[in-house]
Amino acid sequence: IADDRFAPTTEFTDAASLSLGRYSGLLSDATFAFYSVSLEPHSGLVLDVLFEHAVADLDLVVYDDMQNILEASLSVTDDERVILGNCTAAPIDLFVQISNFGGTCAEYDLLLRVDPLFGDDALEENDDCASAAAPLSPTSAPSR
């Protein structure tokens, strides 16, 4: 089986840079695949690896730029998902690792999208004590 369009990406140092979107028809063999993505300030990111577990057992691990594990999805079912948030004022560089636990070559899709539940709420601006909203009573809660 031929390599996918990002190969080789088997080390942090050769990670393919990705942006939001869907990357279809990627291949996983007995090695790792690494990708890099930047998480914008005050935003959230959903990463999905879509595959059939009956074909191969793929796992998803996300690292920071110092190669510390931030989040992982290691199920024994179809697909893996990780949701991350960046509460800082600066972008965060991330590394995404797809590993093939069983070593059987498999095709997968990688989906990177903004987390719609992350961000400002109905009480904004309330990000510090000076701008905090008054406590809510059951009748004063804002509607969504």
Protein backbone atom coordinates (compact mmCIF):
# COMPACT_ATOMS: atom_id res chain seq x y z
CA ILE A 1 0.00 0.00 0.00
CA ALA A 2 1.33 3.42 -0.93
CA ASP A 3 1.98 6.15 1.63
CA ASP A 4 -0.58 8.93 2.06
CA ARG A 5 0.12 12.52 0.95
CA PHE A 6 1.76 13.49 4.28
CA ALA A 7 4.22 10.59 4.61
CA PRO A 8 6.64 10.26 6.21
CA THR A 9 5.48 11.81 9.47
CA THR A 10 6.83 9.28 11.95
CA GLU A 11 8.57 11.74 14.31
CA PHE A 12 7.71 15.02 16.04
CA THR A 13 10.33 16.72 13.86
CA ASP A 14 8.63 15.81 10.56
CA ALA A 15 5.02 16.43 11.64
CA ALA A 16 2.82 17.66 8.80
CA SER A 17 1.25 21.04 9.54
CA LEU A 18 -2.56 21.03 9.41
CA SER A 19 -5.32 23.60 9.73
CA LEU A 20 -9.02 23.16 10.46
CA GLY A 21 -10.76 20.79 8.08
CA ARG A 22 -11.22 17.17 7.11
CA TYR A 23 -8.28 15.11 5.84
CA SER A 24 -9.59 11.97 4.16
CA GLY A 25 -7.88 8.81 2.97
CA LEU A 26 -4.93 8.91 5.36
CA LEU A 27 -3.07 5.65 5.96
CA SER A 28 -1.79 4.13 9.16
CA ASP A 29 0.61 1.22 9.23
CA ALA A 30 2.80 -0.16 12.01
CA THR A 31 4.39 3.26 12.68
CA PHE A 32 3.21 6.55 14.11
CA ALA A 33 1.90 9.52 12.18
CA PHE A 34 2.48 13.01 13.59
CA TYR A 35 0.73 16.22 12.66
CA SER A 36 1.03 19.73 14.04
CA VAL A 37 -1.76 22.25 14.56
CA SER A 38 -2.02 25.63 16.26
CA LEU A 39 -4.83 26.20 18.75
CA GLU A 40 -5.88 29.86 18.69
CA PRO A 41 -6.24 31.92 21.89
CA HIS A 42 -9.52 31.58 23.79
CA SER A 43 -10.74 28.78 21.56
CA GLY A 44 -11.45 25.09 21.58
CA LEU A 45 -10.56 22.29 19.19
CA VAL A 46 -12.22 18.95 18.49
CA LEU A 47 -10.03 16.28 16.87
CA ASP A 48 -11.69 13.16 15.48
CA VAL A 49 -9.96 10.13 13.97
CA LEU A 50 -12.58 8.25 11.97
CA PHE A 51 -11.87 4.59 11.17
CA GLU A 52 -13.23 1.05 11.45
CA HIS A 53 -11.96 -0.79 14.51
CA ALA A 54 -12.63 -4.13 12.78
CA VAL A 55 -9.80 -3.21 10.38
CA ALA A 56 -7.32 -1.69 12.86
CA ASP A 57 -7.07 -0.25 16.37
CA LEU A 58 -5.97 3.38 15.99
CA ASP A 59 -5.29 5.66 18.95
CA LEU A 60 -5.08 9.46 19.25
CA VAL A 61 -2.66 11.33 21.52
CA VAL A 62 -2.17 15.12 21.67
CA TYR A 63 1.07 16.68 22.94
CA ASP A 64 2.14 20.23 23.69
CA ASP A 65 5.22 21.76 22.06
CA MET A 66 7.42 20.27 24.82
CA GLN A 67 6.12 16.78 23.92
CA ASN A 68 4.08 16.42 27.11
CA ILE A 69 0.83 14.47 26.73
CA LEU A 70 -2.19 16.78 27.06
CA GLU A 71 -4.99 14.39 26.13
CA ALA A 72 -5.49 10.93 24.68
CA SER A 73 -8.24 8.75 23.27
CA LEU A 74 -7.37 5.05 23.41
CA SER A 75 -10.67 3.22 22.97
CA VAL A 76 -11.24 -0.23 21.51
CA THR A 77 -14.13 0.90 19.30
CA ASP A 78 -14.52 2.79 16.03
CA ASP A 79 -13.18 6.35 16.05
CA GLU A 80 -11.26 8.41 18.60
CA ARG A 81 -12.01 11.96 19.83
CA VAL A 82 -10.13 14.57 21.86
CA ILE A 83 -11.44 18.02 22.83
CA LEU A 84 -8.97 20.68 23.96
CA GLY A 85 -9.33 24.29 25.04
CA ASN A 86 -6.90 27.19 25.06
CA CYS A 87 -7.76 29.68 27.81
CA THR A 88 -4.62 31.74 27.24
CA ALA A 89 -4.09 34.91 25.20
CA ALA A 90 -1.53 33.22 22.95
CA PRO A 91 -1.77 30.42 20.39
CA ILE A 92 -0.66 26.95 21.52
CA ASP A 93 1.26 24.65 19.19
CA LEU A 94 0.10 21.05 19.41
CA PHE A 95 1.31 17.73 18.07
CA VAL A 96 -1.24 15.09 17.12
CA GLN A 97 -0.10 11.47 17.09
CA ILE A 98 -2.04 8.68 15.41
CA SER A 99 -0.76 5.28 16.46
CA ASN A 100 -1.73 1.90 15.11
CA PHE A 101 -1.98 -0.44 18.07
CA GLY A 102 -2.38 -3.61 16.02
CA GLY A 103 -0.05 -2.81 13.14
CA THR A 104 -2.59 -3.63 10.41
CA CYS A 105 -2.62 -1.01 7.65
CA ALA A 106 -5.81 1.04 7.80
CA GLU A 107 -7.36 4.06 6.17
CA TYR A 108 -8.67 6.88 8.38
CA ASP A 109 -9.99 10.41 8.22
CA LEU A 110 -8.75 13.17 10.52
CA LEU A 111 -11.22 15.94 11.32
CA LEU A 112 -10.13 19.17 13.06
CA ARG A 113 -12.85 21.66 13.95
CA VAL A 114 -13.63 24.45 16.38
CA ASP A 115 -15.34 23.33 19.59
CA PRO A 116 -18.74 25.08 19.47
CA LEU A 117 -19.20 24.83 23.24
CA PHE A 118 -15.99 26.66 24.07
CA GLY A 119 -15.85 30.42 24.40
CA ASP A 120 -17.96 33.24 25.74
CA ASP A 121 -21.19 32.56 27.57
CA ALA A 122 -24.35 34.63 28.03
CA LEU A 123 -22.84 36.50 31.01
CA GLU A 124 -19.76 37.92 29.24
CA GLU A 125 -17.66 39.89 30.00
CA ASN A 126 -17.04 37.98 33.24
CA ASP A 127 -13.47 36.74 32.94
CA ASP A 128 -12.13 38.32 36.14
CA CYS A 129 -13.45 39.30 39.58
CA ALA A 130 -13.96 42.94 38.61
CA SER A 131 -16.28 42.04 35.73
CA ALA A 132 -18.04 39.06 37.31
CA ALA A 133 -21.79 38.96 36.96
CA ALA A 134 -24.01 39.12 40.02
CA PRO A 135 -25.11 35.74 41.38
CA LEU A 136 -28.09 34.34 39.52
CA SER A 137 -31.43 33.42 40.97
CA PRO A 138 -33.54 30.76 39.22
CA THR A 139 -35.68 33.49 37.66
CA SER A 140 -32.78 35.69 36.45
CA ALA A 141 -30.78 33.08 34.56
CA PRO A 142 -30.21 34.11 30.94
CA SER A 143 -31.84 32.02 28.26
CA ARG A 144 -29.77 30.30 25.60
